Amino acid sequence: MKRILVINGPNLNLLGTREKTVYGNLTLNEINSKLQLVADQHAVKLDFFQSNFEGELIEKLHSAEGVYQGIILNPAAFSHYSYGIADAITAITVPVVEVHISNIYKREQFRHKSVVAKTAVGQISGLGDYSYIAALLYFIDLD
């Protein structure tokens, strides 16, 4: 059975209550539930992790080696400056898809650059919770 890890970075635990015009009304648990429904339809095992701490995200990436066939990562604000997370992705062989709920290229200038993007196999931005689903479908189809 294929195993995919879903990692969410800082402040995503506040989804559903923070900046609804940017991030929508769904909570992180509701997004995870929608992902789980898709995973169940395709016999894929999902594990979920969220942290507001960069080091914990890096440790989780390190622990994925040899366990998961893919990682869906929303590094949130760490996307724009965390070379530590980018280096952690480079250090493992598990493919990572970077996702964002909002279109980071339509927001503040500092959000237009992701240092994580160069280390990920791809980036999906601006599709709301469907960014996660698209990443999951990518890994489902990946052999």
N, C-alpha and C. Protein backbone atom coordinates (compact mmCIF):
# COMPACT_ATOMS: atom_id res chain seq x y z
N MET A 1 0.85 -1.18 0.00
CA MET A 1 0.00 0.00 0.00
C MET A 1 0.89 1.24 0.00
N LYS A 2 0.57 2.15 -0.89
CA LYS A 2 1.32 3.41 -0.99
C LYS A 2 1.03 4.27 0.24
N ARG A 3 2.09 4.88 0.78
CA ARG A 3 1.96 5.77 1.94
C ARG A 3 2.43 7.17 1.56
N ILE A 4 1.59 8.15 1.88
CA ILE A 4 1.89 9.54 1.59
C ILE A 4 1.82 10.32 2.91
N LEU A 5 2.79 11.19 3.10
CA LEU A 5 2.84 12.05 4.28
C LEU A 5 2.39 13.45 3.90
N VAL A 6 1.49 14.02 4.68
CA VAL A 6 1.01 15.38 4.47
C VAL A 6 1.54 16.23 5.62
N ILE A 7 2.37 17.21 5.28
CA ILE A 7 2.98 18.07 6.29
C ILE A 7 2.49 19.51 6.09
N ASN A 8 2.04 20.11 7.17
CA ASN A 8 1.59 21.50 7.15
C ASN A 8 2.39 22.33 8.13
N GLY A 9 2.80 23.51 7.68
CA GLY A 9 3.64 24.39 8.46
C GLY A 9 2.88 25.38 9.32
N PRO A 10 3.55 26.47 9.67
CA PRO A 10 3.05 27.39 10.67
C PRO A 10 1.73 28.07 10.31
N ASN A 11 0.91 28.18 11.34
CA ASN A 11 -0.37 28.88 11.32
C ASN A 11 -1.47 28.15 10.56
N LEU A 12 -1.15 27.04 9.94
CA LEU A 12 -2.18 26.31 9.22
C LEU A 12 -3.14 25.60 10.17
N ASN A 13 -2.76 25.46 11.42
CA ASN A 13 -3.67 24.95 12.44
C ASN A 13 -4.82 25.94 12.69
N LEU A 14 -4.69 27.17 12.21
CA LEU A 14 -5.72 28.19 12.40
C LEU A 14 -6.66 28.32 11.20
N LEU A 15 -6.52 27.43 10.22
CA LEU A 15 -7.41 27.49 9.07
C LEU A 15 -8.86 27.38 9.53
N GLY A 16 -9.72 28.08 8.82
CA GLY A 16 -11.13 28.10 9.17
C GLY A 16 -11.49 29.32 10.01
N THR A 17 -10.48 29.91 10.65
CA THR A 17 -10.73 31.10 11.46
C THR A 17 -9.87 32.27 11.03
N ARG A 18 -8.75 32.02 10.35
CA ARG A 18 -7.84 33.12 9.98
C ARG A 18 -8.05 33.52 8.53
N GLU A 19 -8.06 34.78 8.27
CA GLU A 19 -8.09 35.35 6.92
C GLU A 19 -8.89 34.50 5.93
N LYS A 20 -10.17 34.36 6.21
CA LYS A 20 -11.02 33.50 5.39
C LYS A 20 -11.06 33.93 3.92
N THR A 21 -10.87 35.22 3.65
CA THR A 21 -10.88 35.67 2.26
C THR A 21 -9.65 35.17 1.50
N VAL A 22 -8.60 34.83 2.22
CA VAL A 22 -7.38 34.30 1.61
C VAL A 22 -7.36 32.78 1.64
N TYR A 23 -7.72 32.20 2.80
CA TYR A 23 -7.55 30.77 3.02
C TYR A 23 -8.84 29.97 3.02
N GLY A 24 -9.98 30.62 2.91
CA GLY A 24 -11.25 29.90 2.88
C GLY A 24 -11.77 29.57 4.26
N ASN A 25 -12.86 28.81 4.28
CA ASN A 25 -13.57 28.49 5.52
C ASN A 25 -13.22 27.14 6.11
N LEU A 26 -12.56 26.29 5.34
CA LEU A 26 -12.27 24.94 5.84
C LEU A 26 -11.17 24.94 6.89
N THR A 27 -11.35 24.11 7.89
CA THR A 27 -10.29 23.90 8.88
C THR A 27 -9.28 22.91 8.32
N LEU A 28 -8.14 22.82 8.96
CA LEU A 28 -7.13 21.84 8.54
C LEU A 28 -7.69 20.43 8.67
N ASN A 29 -8.44 20.16 9.72
CA ASN A 29 -9.04 18.82 9.87
C ASN A 29 -10.02 18.51 8.75
N GLU A 30 -10.75 19.51 8.30
CA GLU A 30 -11.70 19.30 7.20
C GLU A 30 -10.94 19.02 5.89
N ILE A 31 -9.86 19.74 5.67
CA ILE A 31 -9.03 19.46 4.48
C ILE A 31 -8.47 18.05 4.56
N ASN A 32 -7.96 17.68 5.73
CA ASN A 32 -7.41 16.33 5.91
C ASN A 32 -8.48 15.27 5.68
N SER A 33 -9.70 15.51 6.12
CA SER A 33 -10.80 14.56 5.90
C SER A 33 -11.11 14.40 4.42
N LYS A 34 -11.10 15.50 3.68
CA LYS A 34 -11.33 15.42 2.24
C LYS A 34 -10.21 14.62 1.55
N LEU A 35 -8.98 14.86 1.98
CA LEU A 35 -7.85 14.09 1.45
C LEU A 35 -8.01 12.61 1.77
N GLN A 36 -8.42 12.32 2.99
CA GLN A 36 -8.57 10.92 3.41
C GLN A 36 -9.61 10.20 2.56
N LEU A 37 -10.69 10.89 2.21
CA LEU A 37 -11.72 10.29 1.35
C LEU A 37 -11.14 9.88 0.00
N VAL A 38 -10.34 10.76 -0.59
CA VAL A 38 -9.70 10.45 -1.87
C VAL A 38 -8.71 9.30 -1.70
N ALA A 39 -7.93 9.35 -0.65
CA ALA A 39 -6.94 8.29 -0.39
C ALA A 39 -7.63 6.94 -0.21
N ASP A 40 -8.72 6.91 0.51
CA ASP A 40 -9.45 5.65 0.74
C ASP A 40 -9.96 5.06 -0.57
N GLN A 41 -10.38 5.91 -1.49
CA GLN A 41 -10.87 5.44 -2.79
C GLN A 41 -9.76 4.79 -3.61
N HIS A 42 -8.51 5.10 -3.29
CA HIS A 42 -7.37 4.60 -4.06
C HIS A 42 -6.44 3.72 -3.23
N ALA A 43 -6.92 3.26 -2.08
CA ALA A 43 -6.15 2.38 -1.20
C ALA A 43 -4.76 2.96 -0.88
N VAL A 44 -4.75 4.23 -0.52
CA VAL A 44 -3.52 4.92 -0.14
C VAL A 44 -3.60 5.27 1.34
N LYS A 45 -2.51 5.04 2.06
CA LYS A 45 -2.43 5.39 3.48
C LYS A 45 -1.86 6.79 3.60
N LEU A 46 -2.57 7.65 4.34
CA LEU A 46 -2.11 9.01 4.59
C LEU A 46 -1.76 9.18 6.06
N ASP A 47 -0.69 9.91 6.31
CA ASP A 47 -0.35 10.36 7.65
C ASP A 47 -0.28 11.88 7.61
N PHE A 48 -0.73 12.52 8.67
CA PHE A 48 -0.80 13.97 8.73
C PHE A 48 0.07 14.50 9.85
N PHE A 49 0.71 15.65 9.59
CA PHE A 49 1.56 16.30 10.59
C PHE A 49 1.49 17.80 10.38
N GLN A 50 1.35 18.54 11.48
CA GLN A 50 1.36 19.99 11.43
C GLN A 50 2.22 20.50 12.57
N SER A 51 3.03 21.51 12.28
CA SER A 51 3.83 22.15 13.32
C SER A 51 4.07 23.60 12.97
N ASN A 52 4.19 24.41 14.01
CA ASN A 52 4.56 25.80 13.85
C ASN A 52 6.06 26.01 13.99
N PHE A 53 6.80 24.91 14.15
CA PHE A 53 8.23 24.98 14.43
C PHE A 53 9.05 24.39 13.28
N GLU A 54 9.95 25.18 12.76
CA GLU A 54 10.76 24.77 11.60
C GLU A 54 11.52 23.48 11.86
N GLY A 55 12.16 23.36 13.01
CA GLY A 55 12.94 22.16 13.32
C GLY A 55 12.10 20.90 13.32
N GLU A 56 10.87 20.98 13.82
CA GLU A 56 9.99 19.81 13.81
C GLU A 56 9.63 19.41 12.39
N LEU A 57 9.43 20.38 11.51
CA LEU A 57 9.14 20.07 10.11
C LEU A 57 10.34 19.39 9.45
N ILE A 58 11.52 19.88 9.75
CA ILE A 58 12.75 19.28 9.20
C ILE A 58 12.90 17.85 9.71
N GLU A 59 12.70 17.63 11.00
CA GLU A 59 12.79 16.28 11.56
C GLU A 59 11.78 15.34 10.91
N LYS A 60 10.58 15.83 10.67
CA LYS A 60 9.55 15.00 10.04
C LYS A 60 9.95 14.64 8.61
N LEU A 61 10.52 15.59 7.88
CA LEU A 61 11.01 15.29 6.53
C LEU A 61 12.09 14.21 6.59
N HIS A 62 13.03 14.34 7.51
CA HIS A 62 14.09 13.34 7.66
C HIS A 62 13.52 11.96 7.94
N SER A 63 12.50 11.89 8.77
CA SER A 63 11.93 10.59 9.18
C SER A 63 11.13 9.91 8.07
N ALA A 64 10.87 10.62 6.99
CA ALA A 64 10.06 10.07 5.90
C ALA A 64 10.83 9.09 5.03
N GLU A 65 12.14 9.17 5.07
CA GLU A 65 12.98 8.33 4.20
C GLU A 65 12.70 6.84 4.44
N GLY A 66 12.41 6.13 3.37
CA GLY A 66 12.17 4.70 3.46
C GLY A 66 10.80 4.30 3.98
N VAL A 67 9.98 5.29 4.33
CA VAL A 67 8.65 5.02 4.89
C VAL A 67 7.54 5.43 3.93
N TYR A 68 7.74 6.56 3.26
CA TYR A 68 6.71 7.15 2.40
C TYR A 68 7.15 7.16 0.95
N GLN A 69 6.16 7.12 0.06
CA GLN A 69 6.43 7.22 -1.37
C GLN A 69 6.25 8.64 -1.88
N GLY A 70 5.75 9.52 -1.04
CA GLY A 70 5.58 10.91 -1.42
C GLY A 70 5.22 11.77 -0.23
N ILE A 71 5.51 13.06 -0.35
CA ILE A 71 5.19 14.03 0.70
C ILE A 71 4.48 15.22 0.06
N ILE A 72 3.34 15.56 0.63
CA ILE A 72 2.63 16.78 0.29
C ILE A 72 2.99 17.78 1.37
N LEU A 73 3.63 18.86 0.99
CA LEU A 73 4.15 19.82 1.96
C LEU A 73 3.61 21.22 1.71
N ASN A 74 2.94 21.76 2.72
CA ASN A 74 2.60 23.18 2.71
C ASN A 74 3.49 23.83 3.76
N PRO A 75 4.64 24.37 3.34
CA PRO A 75 5.55 24.97 4.30
C PRO A 75 5.09 26.34 4.80
N ALA A 76 3.99 26.84 4.25
CA ALA A 76 3.44 28.14 4.64
C ALA A 76 4.52 29.21 4.53
N ALA A 77 4.64 30.07 5.51
CA ALA A 77 5.60 31.18 5.44
C ALA A 77 7.05 30.71 5.32
N PHE A 78 7.33 29.49 5.79
CA PHE A 78 8.70 28.97 5.65
C PHE A 78 9.10 28.79 4.18
N SER A 79 8.14 28.76 3.29
CA SER A 79 8.43 28.62 1.85
C SER A 79 9.40 29.68 1.37
N HIS A 80 9.27 30.85 1.94
CA HIS A 80 9.94 32.02 1.40
C HIS A 80 11.35 32.25 1.94
N TYR A 81 11.72 31.51 2.99
CA TYR A 81 13.05 31.78 3.55
C TYR A 81 13.71 30.60 4.24
N SER A 82 13.08 29.43 4.29
CA SER A 82 13.67 28.33 5.05
C SER A 82 14.58 27.47 4.17
N TYR A 83 15.84 27.85 4.17
CA TYR A 83 16.83 27.02 3.48
C TYR A 83 17.02 25.70 4.21
N GLY A 84 16.70 25.67 5.51
CA GLY A 84 16.77 24.43 6.28
C GLY A 84 15.77 23.41 5.76
N ILE A 85 14.54 23.84 5.48
CA ILE A 85 13.54 22.93 4.92
C ILE A 85 13.93 22.53 3.51
N ALA A 86 14.40 23.48 2.72
CA ALA A 86 14.85 23.16 1.35
C ALA A 86 15.98 22.14 1.39
N ASP A 87 16.93 22.31 2.29
CA ASP A 87 18.04 21.36 2.42
C ASP A 87 17.56 19.99 2.88
N ALA A 88 16.57 19.96 3.76
CA ALA A 88 16.02 18.68 4.24
C ALA A 88 15.37 17.92 3.09
N ILE A 89 14.69 18.62 2.21
CA ILE A 89 14.08 17.97 1.05
C ILE A 89 15.15 17.42 0.12
N THR A 90 16.21 18.18 -0.07
CA THR A 90 17.32 17.73 -0.92
C THR A 90 18.01 16.51 -0.32
N ALA A 91 18.02 16.41 1.00
CA ALA A 91 18.73 15.33 1.69
C ALA A 91 18.00 13.99 1.65
N ILE A 92 16.72 13.99 1.28
CA ILE A 92 15.96 12.74 1.23
C ILE A 92 15.63 12.39 -0.21
N THR A 93 15.26 11.14 -0.43
CA THR A 93 14.91 10.70 -1.78
C THR A 93 13.40 10.68 -2.02
N VAL A 94 12.61 10.91 -0.99
CA VAL A 94 11.16 10.90 -1.12
C VAL A 94 10.73 12.16 -1.88
N PRO A 95 9.97 12.00 -2.96
CA PRO A 95 9.54 13.18 -3.71
C PRO A 95 8.56 14.04 -2.91
N VAL A 96 8.70 15.35 -3.06
CA VAL A 96 7.88 16.32 -2.34
C VAL A 96 7.17 17.22 -3.34
N VAL A 97 5.87 17.41 -3.12
CA VAL A 97 5.11 18.41 -3.87
C VAL A 97 4.76 19.52 -2.89
N GLU A 98 5.17 20.73 -3.22
CA GLU A 98 4.86 21.91 -2.41
C GLU A 98 3.46 22.40 -2.78
N VAL A 99 2.63 22.63 -1.78
CA VAL A 99 1.28 23.12 -2.03
C VAL A 99 1.02 24.39 -1.23
N HIS A 100 0.14 25.22 -1.79
CA HIS A 100 -0.34 26.42 -1.12
C HIS A 100 -1.82 26.58 -1.41
N ILE A 101 -2.56 26.97 -0.41
CA ILE A 101 -3.99 27.19 -0.56
C ILE A 101 -4.23 28.43 -1.41
N SER A 102 -3.53 29.51 -1.11
CA SER A 102 -3.68 30.76 -1.86
C SER A 102 -2.68 30.79 -3.02
N ASN A 103 -2.95 31.66 -3.96
CA ASN A 103 -2.01 31.86 -5.05
C ASN A 103 -0.94 32.83 -4.55
N ILE A 104 0.22 32.27 -4.20
CA ILE A 104 1.27 33.09 -3.59
C ILE A 104 1.78 34.16 -4.54
N TYR A 105 1.55 33.99 -5.84
CA TYR A 105 2.03 34.96 -6.83
C TYR A 105 1.08 36.14 -7.02
N LYS A 106 -0.08 36.08 -6.39
CA LYS A 106 -1.03 37.19 -6.43
C LYS A 106 -1.07 37.94 -5.10
N ARG A 107 -0.13 37.59 -4.23
CA ARG A 107 -0.11 38.19 -2.89
C ARG A 107 1.08 39.14 -2.76
N GLU A 108 1.48 39.43 -1.54
CA GLU A 108 2.58 40.35 -1.29
C GLU A 108 3.84 39.88 -2.01
N GLN A 109 4.66 40.83 -2.40
CA GLN A 109 5.87 40.55 -3.18
C GLN A 109 6.77 39.50 -2.52
N PHE A 110 6.94 39.57 -1.20
CA PHE A 110 7.84 38.62 -0.54
C PHE A 110 7.37 37.19 -0.67
N ARG A 111 6.08 36.97 -0.93
CA ARG A 111 5.55 35.62 -1.08
C ARG A 111 5.76 35.05 -2.48
N HIS A 112 6.23 35.85 -3.41
CA HIS A 112 6.39 35.40 -4.79
C HIS A 112 7.56 34.45 -4.98
N LYS A 113 8.47 34.42 -4.03
CA LYS A 113 9.63 33.53 -4.14
C LYS A 113 9.51 32.42 -3.11
N SER A 114 9.70 31.18 -3.57
CA SER A 114 9.74 30.03 -2.68
C SER A 114 11.11 29.38 -2.82
N VAL A 115 11.85 29.33 -1.73
CA VAL A 115 13.15 28.64 -1.76
C VAL A 115 12.94 27.12 -1.73
N VAL A 116 11.76 26.69 -1.36
CA VAL A 116 11.44 25.27 -1.33
C VAL A 116 11.14 24.74 -2.73
N ALA A 117 10.60 25.58 -3.59
CA ALA A 117 10.14 25.14 -4.91
C ALA A 117 11.23 24.45 -5.73
N LYS A 118 12.45 24.93 -5.64
CA LYS A 118 13.54 24.33 -6.42
C LYS A 118 13.88 22.92 -5.98
N THR A 119 13.53 22.57 -4.75
CA THR A 119 13.85 21.24 -4.24
C THR A 119 12.68 20.27 -4.36
N ALA A 120 11.50 20.78 -4.64
CA ALA A 120 10.31 19.95 -4.79
C ALA A 120 10.17 19.48 -6.24
N VAL A 121 9.44 18.40 -6.44
CA VAL A 121 9.20 17.93 -7.81
C VAL A 121 8.20 18.83 -8.52
N GLY A 122 7.41 19.56 -7.73
CA GLY A 122 6.44 20.47 -8.31
C GLY A 122 5.81 21.33 -7.25
N GLN A 123 5.04 22.32 -7.71
CA GLN A 123 4.36 23.23 -6.80
C GLN A 123 2.95 23.46 -7.32
N ILE A 124 1.99 23.41 -6.41
CA ILE A 124 0.60 23.68 -6.74
C ILE A 124 0.13 24.80 -5.83
N SER A 125 -0.36 25.87 -6.42
CA SER A 125 -0.67 27.08 -5.65
C SER A 125 -1.98 27.68 -6.13
N GLY A 126 -2.80 28.09 -5.17
CA GLY A 126 -3.96 28.89 -5.51
C GLY A 126 -5.25 28.14 -5.74
N LEU A 127 -5.28 26.84 -5.51
CA LEU A 127 -6.48 26.06 -5.77
C LEU A 127 -7.25 25.74 -4.49
N GLY A 128 -6.95 26.43 -3.42
CA GLY A 128 -7.61 26.14 -2.15
C GLY A 128 -7.26 24.72 -1.71
N ASP A 129 -8.24 24.03 -1.12
CA ASP A 129 -7.99 22.66 -0.66
C ASP A 129 -7.71 21.72 -1.83
N TYR A 130 -8.10 22.10 -3.03
CA TYR A 130 -7.82 21.27 -4.20
C TYR A 130 -6.33 21.22 -4.53
N SER A 131 -5.55 22.16 -4.02
CA SER A 131 -4.10 22.06 -4.18
C SER A 131 -3.59 20.77 -3.57
N TYR A 132 -4.10 20.43 -2.39
CA TYR A 132 -3.72 19.19 -1.72
C TYR A 132 -4.21 17.97 -2.50
N ILE A 133 -5.44 18.03 -2.95
CA ILE A 133 -6.02 16.90 -3.68
C ILE A 133 -5.27 16.66 -4.98
N ALA A 134 -4.91 17.72 -5.69
CA ALA A 134 -4.13 17.57 -6.93
C ALA A 134 -2.79 16.92 -6.64
N ALA A 135 -2.14 17.31 -5.56
CA ALA A 135 -0.86 16.70 -5.18
C ALA A 135 -1.06 15.22 -4.85
N LEU A 136 -2.12 14.91 -4.13
CA LEU A 136 -2.40 13.51 -3.80
C LEU A 136 -2.64 12.69 -5.06
N LEU A 137 -3.42 13.23 -5.99
CA LEU A 137 -3.68 12.51 -7.24
C LEU A 137 -2.39 12.30 -8.04
N TYR A 138 -1.50 13.25 -8.00
CA TYR A 138 -0.19 13.10 -8.65
C TYR A 138 0.51 11.87 -8.07
N PHE A 139 0.56 11.77 -6.74
CA PHE A 139 1.27 10.64 -6.13
C PHE A 139 0.53 9.33 -6.36
N ILE A 140 -0.79 9.35 -6.43
CA ILE A 140 -1.55 8.14 -6.71
C ILE A 140 -1.18 7.61 -8.09
N ASP A 141 -1.02 8.49 -9.06
CA ASP A 141 -0.70 8.08 -10.43
C ASP A 141 0.78 7.79 -10.64
N LEU A 142 1.62 8.21 -9.70
CA LEU A 142 3.06 8.02 -9.84
C LEU A 142 3.41 6.57 -9.52
N ASP A 143 4.21 5.97 -10.41
CA ASP A 143 4.63 4.58 -10.15
C ASP A 143 5.93 4.51 -9.46
